[in-house]
């Protein structure tokens, strides 16, 4: 009997950790599955969808997270709220999910971060949307901080969230004007990512006023921001934990697989070591 086939689709797909992470997740759950990479441009989706429908399931990355939606029969509530899909389960019904929020929440939980109180989110791009929505849904007090040139995008994101989540107020400021103490600082920018690993999205003083720090950057595993947080005695969680947890939630959707925090912690370390081989 041939193995069930799964894939990640994107364009350009380039170097991706997905096959390594998902193959390990199949092994950990003792389920059978072959996981491949497929380069699919948005304009190719109408032609490629027949092939995608033969898969047991697949993950979706940039630039297809919105483009895949018209080809699906159903979206779960979070995918509908975000207007974004990163996981598809095929069957009688082709259903789209977004596991990014779950990956974020599980990464915080397994890292010992209490997701409450005052949350500062730096950045306003795609991944920032996930963090802002989850923070307001958790009834946190949310502030988005950006560079001056990103203010229009910041304002649009705040307005969207306030419209979609009733009774919400999203605070805004410039990175240079961050004041006060926060329970959690979230870096939703690529600042500090390889090869510019000496960069930090905020200064040391700001980090010292944050009880916990989450950095969405996963290469390197231990960014300068996380090192600074640890030096200040703050709880620090990196982006590789989110990457692995959101992949694990895909397997939960496909097979009902369950993973322990220890399993995922080990896979985070192994994935970081695998990533080093790529660069």
C-alpha atoms as a PDB file:
ATOM      1  CA  UNK A   1       0.000   0.000   0.000  1.00  0.00           C
ATOM      2  CA  UNK A   2       1.425   3.385  -0.966  1.00  0.00           C
ATOM      3  CA  UNK A   3       1.941   6.064   1.674  1.00  0.00           C
ATOM      4  CA  UNK A   4      -0.543   8.903   1.922  1.00  0.00           C
ATOM      5  CA  UNK A   5       0.912  11.988   0.305  1.00  0.00           C
ATOM      6  CA  UNK A   6       1.075  15.491   1.781  1.00  0.00           C
ATOM      7  CA  UNK A   7       2.768  18.663   0.560  1.00  0.00           C
ATOM      8  CA  UNK A   8       3.540  22.310   1.159  1.00  0.00           C
ATOM      9  CA  UNK A   9       2.682  24.659  -1.702  1.00  0.00           C
ATOM     10  CA  UNK A  10       4.118  28.126  -2.291  1.00  0.00           C
ATOM     11  CA  UNK A  11       5.989  30.267  -4.811  1.00  0.00           C
ATOM     12  CA  UNK A  12       8.911  30.526  -4.827  1.00  0.00           C
ATOM     13  CA  UNK A  13       9.190  27.667  -2.380  1.00  0.00           C
ATOM     14  CA  UNK A  14      13.007  27.795  -1.966  1.00  0.00           C
ATOM     15  CA  UNK A  15      14.485  26.486   1.279  1.00  0.00           C
ATOM     16  CA  UNK A  16      11.723  25.331   3.584  1.00  0.00           C
ATOM     17  CA  UNK A  17      11.836  23.490   6.896  1.00  0.00           C
ATOM     18  CA  UNK A  18       8.416  21.928   6.275  1.00  0.00           C
ATOM     19  CA  UNK A  19       9.482  18.507   4.887  1.00  0.00           C
ATOM     20  CA  UNK A  20      11.957  17.963   7.758  1.00  0.00           C
ATOM     21  CA  UNK A  21       9.480  19.025  10.466  1.00  0.00           C
ATOM     22  CA  UNK A  22       6.453  17.181   9.064  1.00  0.00           C
ATOM     23  CA  UNK A  23       8.334  13.931   8.394  1.00  0.00           C
ATOM     24  CA  UNK A  24       9.478  13.953  12.018  1.00  0.00           C
ATOM     25  CA  UNK A  25       5.917  14.641  13.174  1.00  0.00           C
ATOM     26  CA  UNK A  26       4.674  11.590  11.227  1.00  0.00           C
ATOM     27  CA  UNK A  27       7.357   9.485  12.927  1.00  0.00           C
ATOM     28  CA  UNK A  28       6.554  10.835  16.398  1.00  0.00           C
ATOM     29  CA  UNK A  29       2.832  10.083  15.949  1.00  0.00           C
ATOM     30  CA  UNK A  30       3.594   6.691  14.335  1.00  0.00           C
ATOM     31  CA  UNK A  31       1.480   7.597  11.300  1.00  0.00           C
ATOM     32  CA  UNK A  32       2.330   6.981   7.657  1.00  0.00           C
ATOM     33  CA  UNK A  33       2.861   9.913   5.321  1.00  0.00           C
ATOM     34  CA  UNK A  34       5.117  11.203   2.576  1.00  0.00           C
ATOM     35  CA  UNK A  35       5.646  14.991   2.581  1.00  0.00           C
ATOM     36  CA  UNK A  36       6.871  16.883  -0.495  1.00  0.00           C
ATOM     37  CA  UNK A  37       7.421  20.457  -1.670  1.00  0.00           C
ATOM     38  CA  UNK A  38       5.410  21.822  -4.612  1.00  0.00           C
ATOM     39  CA  UNK A  39       6.143  25.148  -6.307  1.00  0.00           C
ATOM     40  CA  UNK A  40       2.726  26.515  -7.285  1.00  0.00           C
ATOM     41  CA  UNK A  41       2.305  30.112  -8.459  1.00  0.00           C
ATOM     42  CA  UNK A  42      -1.120  31.729  -7.804  1.00  0.00           C
ATOM     43  CA  UNK A  43      -1.978  31.742 -11.522  1.00  0.00           C
ATOM     44  CA  UNK A  44      -1.303  27.984 -11.655  1.00  0.00           C
ATOM     45  CA  UNK A  45      -3.809  27.101  -8.920  1.00  0.00           C
ATOM     46  CA  UNK A  46      -6.804  26.497 -11.269  1.00  0.00           C
ATOM     47  CA  UNK A  47      -4.728  23.929 -13.192  1.00  0.00           C
ATOM     48  CA  UNK A  48      -2.922  22.397 -10.195  1.00  0.00           C
ATOM     49  CA  UNK A  49      -5.988  22.048  -7.954  1.00  0.00           C
ATOM     50  CA  UNK A  50      -6.822  18.588  -9.385  1.00  0.00           C
ATOM     51  CA  UNK A  51      -3.388  17.351  -8.320  1.00  0.00           C
ATOM     52  CA  UNK A  52      -3.752  19.017  -4.900  1.00  0.00           C
ATOM     53  CA  UNK A  53      -7.133  17.322  -4.419  1.00  0.00           C
ATOM     54  CA  UNK A  54      -5.454  13.893  -4.730  1.00  0.00           C
ATOM     55  CA  UNK A  55      -3.346  14.625  -1.634  1.00  0.00           C
ATOM     56  CA  UNK A  56      -4.494  13.589   1.840  1.00  0.00           C
ATOM     57  CA  UNK A  57      -3.773  17.156   2.933  1.00  0.00           C
ATOM     58  CA  UNK A  58      -1.393  20.016   2.347  1.00  0.00           C
ATOM     59  CA  UNK A  59       0.058  23.192   3.807  1.00  0.00           C
ATOM     60  CA  UNK A  60      -0.087  26.568   2.102  1.00  0.00           C
ATOM     61  CA  UNK A  61       2.502  29.314   2.305  1.00  0.00           C
ATOM     62  CA  UNK A  62       3.103  32.691   0.631  1.00  0.00           C
ATOM     63  CA  UNK A  63       1.628  33.823  -1.763  1.00  0.00           C
ATOM     64  CA  UNK A  64      -1.272  31.333  -1.787  1.00  0.00           C
ATOM     65  CA  UNK A  65      -2.813  31.695   1.692  1.00  0.00           C
ATOM     66  CA  UNK A  66      -5.677  33.814   0.339  1.00  0.00           C
ATOM     67  CA  UNK A  67      -5.669  32.540  -3.253  1.00  0.00           C
ATOM     68  CA  UNK A  68      -6.475  28.957  -2.250  1.00  0.00           C
ATOM     69  CA  UNK A  69      -9.771  29.900  -0.557  1.00  0.00           C
ATOM     70  CA  UNK A  70     -12.037  29.904  -3.693  1.00  0.00           C
ATOM     71  CA  UNK A  71     -10.979  26.283  -4.382  1.00  0.00           C
ATOM     72  CA  UNK A  72     -12.145  24.995  -0.971  1.00  0.00           C
ATOM     73  CA  UNK A  73     -15.608  23.870   0.169  1.00  0.00           C
ATOM     74  CA  UNK A  74     -15.387  25.140   3.722  1.00  0.00           C
ATOM     75  CA  UNK A  75     -13.278  27.238   6.131  1.00  0.00           C
ATOM     76  CA  UNK A  76     -13.039  26.792   9.882  1.00  0.00           C
ATOM     77  CA  UNK A  77     -13.864  29.814  12.069  1.00  0.00           C
ATOM     78  CA  UNK A  78     -10.298  31.084  12.497  1.00  0.00           C
ATOM     79  CA  UNK A  79      -9.506  30.780   8.764  1.00  0.00           C
ATOM     80  CA  UNK A  80     -12.694  32.710   8.051  1.00  0.00           C
ATOM     81  CA  UNK A  81     -11.818  35.431  10.570  1.00  0.00           C
ATOM     82  CA  UNK A  82      -8.307  35.833   9.163  1.00  0.00           C
ATOM     83  CA  UNK A  83      -9.247  35.343   5.506  1.00  0.00           C
ATOM     84  CA  UNK A  84      -6.187  33.106   5.336  1.00  0.00           C
ATOM     85  CA  UNK A  85      -5.512  29.360   5.007  1.00  0.00           C
ATOM     86  CA  UNK A  86      -2.275  27.480   5.694  1.00  0.00           C
ATOM     87  CA  UNK A  87      -3.615  23.938   6.092  1.00  0.00           C
ATOM     88  CA  UNK A  88      -6.061  21.976   3.929  1.00  0.00           C
ATOM     89  CA  UNK A  89      -7.683  18.650   4.799  1.00  0.00           C
ATOM     90  CA  UNK A  90      -8.993  16.758   1.794  1.00  0.00           C
ATOM     91  CA  UNK A  91     -11.881  14.316   1.876  1.00  0.00           C
ATOM     92  CA  UNK A  92     -15.553  14.495   0.949  1.00  0.00           C
ATOM     93  CA  UNK A  93     -15.251  18.143   1.985  1.00  0.00           C
ATOM     94  CA  UNK A  94     -12.096  20.173   1.274  1.00  0.00           C
ATOM     95  CA  UNK A  95     -11.680  22.266   4.412  1.00  0.00           C
ATOM     96  CA  UNK A  96      -9.242  25.119   5.026  1.00  0.00           C
ATOM     97  CA  UNK A  97      -7.688  25.992   8.391  1.00  0.00           C
ATOM     98  CA  UNK A  98      -5.135  28.451   9.716  1.00  0.00           C
ATOM     99  CA  UNK A  99      -2.804  26.926  12.309  1.00  0.00           C
ATOM    100  CA  UNK A 100      -0.624  30.023  12.764  1.00  0.00           C
ATOM    101  CA  UNK A 101      -2.692  31.277  15.737  1.00  0.00           C
ATOM    102  CA  UNK A 102      -2.531  27.852  17.415  1.00  0.00           C
ATOM    103  CA  UNK A 103       1.213  27.686  16.792  1.00  0.00           C
ATOM    104  CA  UNK A 104       1.663  31.084  18.440  1.00  0.00           C
ATOM    105  CA  UNK A 105      -0.523  30.268  21.458  1.00  0.00           C
ATOM    106  CA  UNK A 106       1.036  26.832  22.016  1.00  0.00           C
ATOM    107  CA  UNK A 107       4.548  28.292  21.702  1.00  0.00           C
ATOM    108  CA  UNK A 108       3.722  30.839  24.424  1.00  0.00           C
ATOM    109  CA  UNK A 109       2.063  28.234  26.635  1.00  0.00           C
ATOM    110  CA  UNK A 110       4.898  25.700  26.339  1.00  0.00           C
ATOM    111  CA  UNK A 111       7.399  28.518  26.980  1.00  0.00           C
ATOM    112  CA  UNK A 112       5.666  29.436  30.233  1.00  0.00           C
ATOM    113  CA  UNK A 113       4.264  32.782  29.025  1.00  0.00           C
ATOM    114  CA  UNK A 114       0.948  33.921  30.506  1.00  0.00           C
ATOM    115  CA  UNK A 115      -0.845  35.556  27.569  1.00  0.00           C
ATOM    116  CA  UNK A 116      -2.605  38.377  29.386  1.00  0.00           C
ATOM    117  CA  UNK A 117      -2.265  41.994  30.450  1.00  0.00           C
ATOM    118  CA  UNK A 118      -0.386  44.555  28.357  1.00  0.00           C
ATOM    119  CA  UNK A 119       0.966  43.274  25.034  1.00  0.00           C
ATOM    120  CA  UNK A 120       3.281  45.262  22.744  1.00  0.00           C
ATOM    121  CA  UNK A 121       3.432  44.053  19.127  1.00  0.00           C
ATOM    122  CA  UNK A 122       6.186  45.540  16.966  1.00  0.00           C
ATOM    123  CA  UNK A 123       5.366  45.422  13.255  1.00  0.00           C
ATOM    124  CA  UNK A 124       2.164  45.395  11.192  1.00  0.00           C
ATOM    125  CA  UNK A 125       2.718  42.841   8.400  1.00  0.00           C
ATOM    126  CA  UNK A 126       1.038  39.468   7.800  1.00  0.00           C
ATOM    127  CA  UNK A 127       2.301  37.695  10.917  1.00  0.00           C
ATOM    128  CA  UNK A 128       1.501  40.764  13.051  1.00  0.00           C
ATOM    129  CA  UNK A 129      -2.207  40.365  12.113  1.00  0.00           C
ATOM    130  CA  UNK A 130      -2.177  36.947  13.772  1.00  0.00           C
ATOM    131  CA  UNK A 131      -0.615  38.315  16.954  1.00  0.00           C
ATOM    132  CA  UNK A 132      -2.910  41.357  17.164  1.00  0.00           C
ATOM    133  CA  UNK A 133      -6.080  39.305  16.640  1.00  0.00           C
ATOM    134  CA  UNK A 134      -5.058  36.658  19.172  1.00  0.00           C
ATOM    135  CA  UNK A 135      -4.145  39.324  21.728  1.00  0.00           C
ATOM    136  CA  UNK A 136      -7.519  41.077  21.481  1.00  0.00           C
ATOM    137  CA  UNK A 137      -9.368  37.728  21.510  1.00  0.00           C
ATOM    138  CA  UNK A 138      -7.487  36.934  24.751  1.00  0.00           C
ATOM    139  CA  UNK A 139      -8.726  40.306  26.128  1.00  0.00           C
ATOM    140  CA  UNK A 140      -5.219  41.752  26.363  1.00  0.00           C
ATOM    141  CA  UNK A 141      -4.502  45.482  26.181  1.00  0.00           C
ATOM    142  CA  UNK A 142      -2.788  45.712  22.766  1.00  0.00           C
ATOM    143  CA  UNK A 143      -0.353  48.301  21.403  1.00  0.00           C
ATOM    144  CA  UNK A 144       1.080  48.146  17.868  1.00  0.00           C
ATOM    145  CA  UNK A 145       4.435  49.924  17.405  1.00  0.00           C
ATOM    146  CA  UNK A 146       5.860  50.660  13.940  1.00  0.00           C
ATOM    147  CA  UNK A 147       8.336  52.789  11.973  1.00  0.00           C
ATOM    148  CA  UNK A 148       6.968  56.135  10.663  1.00  0.00           C
ATOM    149  CA  UNK A 149       6.694  54.805   7.085  1.00  0.00           C
ATOM    150  CA  UNK A 150       4.407  51.960   8.256  1.00  0.00           C
ATOM    151  CA  UNK A 151       1.816  54.147  10.025  1.00  0.00           C
ATOM    152  CA  UNK A 152      -0.839  53.835   7.239  1.00  0.00           C
ATOM    153  CA  UNK A 153      -0.644  50.013   7.395  1.00  0.00           C
ATOM    154  CA  UNK A 154      -0.688  50.158  11.211  1.00  0.00           C
ATOM    155  CA  UNK A 155      -3.852  52.287  11.150  1.00  0.00           C
ATOM    156  CA  UNK A 156      -5.555  49.977   8.625  1.00  0.00           C
ATOM    157  CA  UNK A 157      -4.767  46.894  10.747  1.00  0.00           C
ATOM    158  CA  UNK A 158      -6.058  48.523  13.938  1.00  0.00           C
ATOM    159  CA  UNK A 159      -9.264  49.624  12.171  1.00  0.00           C
ATOM    160  CA  UNK A 160      -9.827  46.128  10.734  1.00  0.00           C
ATOM    161  CA  UNK A 161      -9.404  44.423  14.105  1.00  0.00           C
ATOM    162  CA  UNK A 162     -11.616  46.948  15.898  1.00  0.00           C
ATOM    163  CA  UNK A 163     -14.329  46.417  13.280  1.00  0.00           C
ATOM    164  CA  UNK A 164     -14.180  42.587  13.352  1.00  0.00           C
ATOM    165  CA  UNK A 165     -13.853  42.114  17.122  1.00  0.00           C
ATOM    166  CA  UNK A 166     -16.578  44.055  18.924  1.00  0.00           C
ATOM    167  CA  UNK A 167     -15.595  46.272  21.844  1.00  0.00           C
ATOM    168  CA  UNK A 168     -11.909  46.262  20.936  1.00  0.00           C
ATOM    169  CA  UNK A 169      -9.536  49.228  21.167  1.00  0.00           C
ATOM    170  CA  UNK A 170      -6.088  48.860  19.599  1.00  0.00           C
ATOM    171  CA  UNK A 171      -3.450  51.374  20.747  1.00  0.00           C
ATOM    172  CA  UNK A 172      -0.801  52.667  18.348  1.00  0.00           C
ATOM    173  CA  UNK A 173       2.611  54.335  18.650  1.00  0.00           C
ATOM    174  CA  UNK A 174       5.956  54.677  16.891  1.00  0.00           C
ATOM    175  CA  UNK A 175       8.800  52.370  17.943  1.00  0.00           C
ATOM    176  CA  UNK A 176      10.729  55.466  19.061  1.00  0.00           C
ATOM    177  CA  UNK A 177       7.831  56.452  21.365  1.00  0.00           C
ATOM    178  CA  UNK A 178       7.278  53.183  23.260  1.00  0.00           C
ATOM    179  CA  UNK A 179       6.636  53.933  26.939  1.00  0.00           C
ATOM    180  CA  UNK A 180       5.697  52.019  30.063  1.00  0.00           C
ATOM    181  CA  UNK A 181       5.874  48.376  31.126  1.00  0.00           C
ATOM    182  CA  UNK A 182       4.486  45.382  29.230  1.00  0.00           C
ATOM    183  CA  UNK A 183       3.671  41.807  30.139  1.00  0.00           C
ATOM    184  CA  UNK A 184       4.694  40.626  26.663  1.00  0.00           C
ATOM    185  CA  UNK A 185       6.735  42.083  23.805  1.00  0.00           C
ATOM    186  CA  UNK A 186       6.221  40.443  20.392  1.00  0.00           C
ATOM    187  CA  UNK A 187       8.618  41.023  17.499  1.00  0.00           C
ATOM    188  CA  UNK A 188       6.535  40.591  14.328  1.00  0.00           C
ATOM    189  CA  UNK A 189       9.278  41.928  12.030  1.00  0.00           C
ATOM    190  CA  UNK A 190      12.242  40.184  10.326  1.00  0.00           C
ATOM    191  CA  UNK A 191      14.716  42.350  12.275  1.00  0.00           C
ATOM    192  CA  UNK A 192      17.417  40.168  13.836  1.00  0.00           C
ATOM    193  CA  UNK A 193      17.056  37.443  11.207  1.00  0.00           C
ATOM    194  CA  UNK A 194      20.074  35.764   9.556  1.00  0.00           C
ATOM    195  CA  UNK A 195      22.392  37.177   8.229  1.00  0.00           C
ATOM    196  CA  UNK A 196      21.816  40.499  10.090  1.00  0.00           C
ATOM    197  CA  UNK A 197      21.822  38.842  13.504  1.00  0.00           C
ATOM    198  CA  UNK A 198      23.244  41.849  15.386  1.00  0.00           C
ATOM    199  CA  UNK A 199      20.091  43.912  14.859  1.00  0.00           C
ATOM    200  CA  UNK A 200      17.348  44.341  17.453  1.00  0.00           C
ATOM    201  CA  UNK A 201      13.844  45.721  16.821  1.00  0.00           C
ATOM    202  CA  UNK A 202      13.790  47.782  20.061  1.00  0.00           C
ATOM    203  CA  UNK A 203      16.480  49.032  22.444  1.00  0.00           C
ATOM    204  CA  UNK A 204      17.667  47.361  25.657  1.00  0.00           C
ATOM    205  CA  UNK A 205      15.652  49.745  27.851  1.00  0.00           C
ATOM    206  CA  UNK A 206      12.391  48.726  26.193  1.00  0.00           C
ATOM    207  CA  UNK A 207      13.233  45.030  26.597  1.00  0.00           C
ATOM    208  CA  UNK A 208      14.001  45.586  30.288  1.00  0.00           C
ATOM    209  CA  UNK A 209      10.424  46.826  30.769  1.00  0.00           C
ATOM    210  CA  UNK A 210       8.873  43.624  29.349  1.00  0.00           C
ATOM    211  CA  UNK A 211       8.189  40.563  31.535  1.00  0.00           C
ATOM    212  CA  UNK A 212       8.254  38.205  28.531  1.00  0.00           C
ATOM    213  CA  UNK A 213       9.458  38.375  24.929  1.00  0.00           C
ATOM    214  CA  UNK A 214       8.364  36.408  21.859  1.00  0.00           C
ATOM    215  CA  UNK A 215      10.451  36.750  18.684  1.00  0.00           C
ATOM    216  CA  UNK A 216       8.807  35.490  15.469  1.00  0.00           C
ATOM    217  CA  UNK A 217      12.292  35.202  13.901  1.00  0.00           C
ATOM    218  CA  UNK A 218      13.439  31.547  13.926  1.00  0.00           C
ATOM    219  CA  UNK A 219      16.830  31.843  12.221  1.00  0.00           C
ATOM    220  CA  UNK A 220      18.867  32.068  14.427  1.00  0.00           C
ATOM    221  CA  UNK A 221      17.131  30.101  17.176  1.00  0.00           C
ATOM    222  CA  UNK A 222      18.508  32.457  19.848  1.00  0.00           C
ATOM    223  CA  UNK A 223      18.222  35.997  18.449  1.00  0.00           C
ATOM    224  CA  UNK A 224      19.880  39.043  19.977  1.00  0.00           C
ATOM    225  CA  UNK A 225      16.432  40.139  21.220  1.00  0.00           C
ATOM    226  CA  UNK A 226      15.935  36.838  23.044  1.00  0.00           C
ATOM    227  CA  UNK A 227      19.471  36.991  24.486  1.00  0.00           C
ATOM    228  CA  UNK A 228      18.742  40.508  25.775  1.00  0.00           C
ATOM    229  CA  UNK A 229      15.444  39.344  27.302  1.00  0.00           C
ATOM    230  CA  UNK A 230      17.150  36.448  29.129  1.00  0.00           C
ATOM    231  CA  UNK A 231      19.891  38.782  30.403  1.00  0.00           C
ATOM    232  CA  UNK A 232      17.113  40.918  31.913  1.00  0.00           C
ATOM    233  CA  UNK A 233      15.511  37.904  33.581  1.00  0.00           C
ATOM    234  CA  UNK A 234      12.518  37.924  31.210  1.00  0.00           C
ATOM    235  CA  UNK A 235      10.866  34.799  29.811  1.00  0.00           C
ATOM    236  CA  UNK A 236      11.985  34.353  26.174  1.00  0.00           C
ATOM    237  CA  UNK A 237      10.344  32.281  23.402  1.00  0.00           C
ATOM    238  CA  UNK A 238      11.604  32.027  19.810  1.00  0.00           C
ATOM    239  CA  UNK A 239       9.864  31.668  16.465  1.00  0.00           C
ATOM    240  CA  UNK A 240      10.999  28.097  15.807  1.00  0.00           C
ATOM    241  CA  UNK A 241       8.629  26.950  18.571  1.00  0.00           C
ATOM    242  CA  UNK A 242       5.722  28.591  16.719  1.00  0.00           C
ATOM    243  CA  UNK A 243       6.837  27.072  13.392  1.00  0.00           C
ATOM    244  CA  UNK A 244       6.945  23.555  14.847  1.00  0.00           C
ATOM    245  CA  UNK A 245       3.734  23.874  16.871  1.00  0.00           C
ATOM    246  CA  UNK A 246       1.715  25.190  13.912  1.00  0.00           C
ATOM    247  CA  UNK A 247       2.968  22.187  11.902  1.00  0.00           C
ATOM    248  CA  UNK A 248       1.952  19.862  14.753  1.00  0.00           C
ATOM    249  CA  UNK A 249      -1.574  21.330  14.707  1.00  0.00           C
ATOM    250  CA  UNK A 250      -1.786  20.407  10.996  1.00  0.00           C
ATOM    251  CA  UNK A 251      -1.258  16.757  12.002  1.00  0.00           C
ATOM    252  CA  UNK A 252      -3.912  17.148  14.683  1.00  0.00           C
ATOM    253  CA  UNK A 253      -6.293  18.247  11.903  1.00  0.00           C
ATOM    254  CA  UNK A 254      -5.251  15.507   9.461  1.00  0.00           C
ATOM    255  CA  UNK A 255      -4.953  12.555  11.858  1.00  0.00           C
ATOM    256  CA  UNK A 256      -5.919  13.596  15.375  1.00  0.00           C
ATOM    257  CA  UNK A 257      -2.237  13.294  16.364  1.00  0.00           C
ATOM    258  CA  UNK A 258      -1.225  14.554  19.817  1.00  0.00           C
ATOM    259  CA  UNK A 259       2.291  15.637  20.787  1.00  0.00           C
ATOM    260  CA  UNK A 260       3.894  16.267  24.167  1.00  0.00           C
ATOM    261  CA  UNK A 261       5.681  19.540  24.978  1.00  0.00           C
ATOM    262  CA  UNK A 262       8.899  17.502  25.364  1.00  0.00           C
ATOM    263  CA  UNK A 263       8.519  16.035  21.850  1.00  0.00           C
ATOM    264  CA  UNK A 264       8.066  19.497  20.375  1.00  0.00           C
ATOM    265  CA  UNK A 265      10.904  21.011  22.415  1.00  0.00           C
ATOM    266  CA  UNK A 266      13.279  18.377  21.047  1.00  0.00           C
ATOM    267  CA  UNK A 267      12.010  18.899  17.495  1.00  0.00           C
ATOM    268  CA  UNK A 268      12.553  22.680  17.862  1.00  0.00           C
ATOM    269  CA  UNK A 269      16.214  22.054  18.716  1.00  0.00           C
ATOM    270  CA  UNK A 270      16.640  19.474  15.946  1.00  0.00           C
ATOM    271  CA  UNK A 271      15.002  21.815  13.417  1.00  0.00           C
ATOM    272  CA  UNK A 272      17.362  24.632  14.433  1.00  0.00           C
ATOM    273  CA  UNK A 273      20.338  22.336  13.857  1.00  0.00           C
ATOM    274  CA  UNK A 274      18.915  21.260  10.485  1.00  0.00           C
ATOM    275  CA  UNK A 275      18.430  24.921   9.548  1.00  0.00           C
ATOM    276  CA  UNK A 276      22.109  25.662  10.214  1.00  0.00           C
ATOM    277  CA  UNK A 277      23.028  23.108   7.524  1.00  0.00           C
ATOM    278  CA  UNK A 278      21.037  25.130   4.973  1.00  0.00           C
ATOM    279  CA  UNK A 279      22.989  28.352   5.565  1.00  0.00           C
END
